[in-house]
Protein backbone atom coordinates (compact mmCIF):
# COMPACT_ATOMS: atom_id res chain seq x y z
CA MET A 1 0.00 0.00 0.00
CA ASN A 2 2.82 2.41 0.80
CA LEU A 3 4.14 2.17 -2.76
CA TYR A 4 0.74 3.19 -4.12
CA LEU A 5 0.65 6.16 -1.74
CA ASP A 6 4.20 7.13 -2.72
CA PHE A 7 3.17 7.07 -6.36
CA ALA A 8 0.10 9.19 -5.55
CA ASN A 9 2.37 11.71 -3.84
CA ILE A 10 4.64 11.86 -6.90
CA ALA A 11 1.67 12.17 -9.25
CA TYR A 12 0.26 14.99 -7.13
CA SER A 13 3.54 16.91 -6.98
CA HIS A 14 3.95 16.62 -10.77
CA GLN A 15 0.26 17.47 -11.36
CA SER A 16 -0.28 14.18 -13.21
CA PHE A 17 -3.64 13.70 -11.57
CA GLN A 18 -5.27 11.28 -14.02
CA VAL A 19 -2.24 8.96 -14.08
CA GLY A 20 -2.23 8.90 -10.27
CA ILE A 21 -5.96 8.18 -10.17
CA ASP A 22 -5.55 5.28 -12.60
CA VAL A 23 -2.74 3.71 -10.55
CA ILE A 24 -4.58 4.21 -7.24
CA THR A 25 -7.73 2.67 -8.74
CA ASP A 26 -5.67 -0.37 -9.79
CA GLY A 27 -4.29 -0.54 -6.26
CA MET A 28 -7.80 -0.45 -4.84
CA GLY A 29 -8.57 -3.52 -6.93
CA VAL A 30 -5.67 -5.34 -5.29
CA LEU A 31 -6.23 -3.93 -1.79
CA PRO A 32 -9.97 -3.12 -1.52
CA THR A 33 -9.89 -2.54 2.25
CA ALA A 34 -6.99 -0.04 2.19
CA SER A 35 -8.83 3.15 3.12
CA PRO A 36 -5.83 5.48 2.60
CA LEU A 37 -6.02 4.66 -1.11
CA TYR A 38 -9.58 6.02 -1.25
CA LEU A 39 -8.41 9.23 0.39
CA ALA A 40 -5.44 9.54 -1.99
CA ARG A 41 -7.70 9.06 -5.01
CA GLY A 42 -10.05 11.77 -3.73
CA VAL A 43 -7.16 14.19 -3.26
CA LEU A 44 -5.98 13.49 -6.81
CA ARG A 45 -9.51 13.96 -8.19
CA ALA A 46 -9.62 17.41 -6.60
CA GLY A 47 -6.90 18.49 -9.02
CA LEU A 48 -8.93 17.62 -12.10
CA PRO A 49 -11.30 20.09 -13.73
CA ALA A 50 -14.98 19.55 -13.11
CA PRO A 51 -16.66 17.27 -15.67
CA GLY A 52 -19.21 18.60 -18.11
CA GLU A 53 -19.70 21.82 -20.00
CA ASP A 54 -19.03 25.27 -18.60
CA MET A 55 -21.75 26.61 -16.35
CA GLY A 56 -22.87 29.39 -18.67
CA GLY A 57 -25.68 31.67 -17.62
CA TRP A 58 -24.54 34.32 -15.17
CA TYR A 59 -20.94 33.20 -15.53
CA ASN A 60 -20.62 33.96 -19.25
CA PHE A 61 -19.06 37.21 -20.29
CA SER A 62 -21.21 39.11 -22.75
CA SER A 63 -19.59 41.21 -25.45
CA ASP A 64 -22.93 43.07 -25.70
CA PHE A 65 -22.35 44.68 -22.31
CA ASP A 66 -21.76 48.35 -23.04
CA PRO A 67 -22.83 50.65 -20.21
CA PRO A 68 -24.92 52.75 -20.13
CA LYS A 69 -26.43 51.72 -23.50
CA ASN A 70 -26.72 48.00 -22.79
CA MET A 71 -26.60 46.78 -19.20
CA THR A 72 -27.32 43.12 -19.95
CA GLY A 73 -24.56 40.60 -19.57
CA TYR A 74 -22.09 39.44 -16.98
CA ILE A 75 -19.94 41.99 -15.22
CA PRO A 76 -17.12 40.02 -13.60
CA GLY A 77 -17.11 40.48 -9.86
CA HIS A 78 -20.31 42.50 -9.69
CA THR A 79 -23.51 40.89 -10.87
CA PHE A 80 -23.12 37.39 -9.47
CA GLY A 81 -23.16 38.66 -5.90
CA GLN A 82 -26.25 40.71 -6.64
CA TYR A 83 -28.08 37.74 -8.16
CA LEU A 84 -27.03 35.48 -5.29
CA SER A 85 -28.18 38.02 -2.72
CA GLY A 86 -31.54 38.38 -4.46
CA LEU A 87 -32.06 34.64 -4.60
CA ALA A 88 -31.09 34.24 -0.95
CA ARG A 89 -33.61 36.89 0.07
CA ALA A 90 -36.42 35.53 -2.10
CA THR A 91 -36.08 31.90 -1.04
CA PRO A 92 -36.94 32.32 2.67
CA LEU A 93 -40.08 34.27 1.77
CA ARG A 94 -41.35 31.41 -0.34
CA ALA A 95 -40.23 28.78 2.12
CA ARG A 96 -41.97 30.47 5.02
CA SER A 97 -45.37 30.98 3.41
CA PRO A 98 -46.57 27.33 3.60
CA LEU A 99 -45.15 27.10 7.09
CA LYS A 100 -46.89 30.30 8.10
CA ARG A 101 -50.26 28.99 6.86
CA ARG A 102 -49.82 25.80 8.87
CA CYS A 103 -48.90 27.66 12.03
CA ASN A 104 -51.73 30.21 11.93
CA GLY A 105 -54.11 27.75 13.59
CA TRP A 106 -51.89 27.24 16.62
């Protein structure tokens, strides 16, 4: 098991995450009860980019953004916080309304 962990350490330090994951996964097949291998594989997976397409939506930069003529589009560092704040404030209002109706009879 120690050799697998040493290899994982080398793969991590050289940023060869996928190679390290493949070797650790093979080691897990040989030593299925070795819990440090599961942890090492998780650490290596953290170095990989997230699977799937880019998030899009609020995260996309818009070339149409041209203040003050056109205020639509993503402004890095500004609009996401505003949207997140608005969603956070709107959610409790909706979540409380069914609860409020149930509690009115008490």
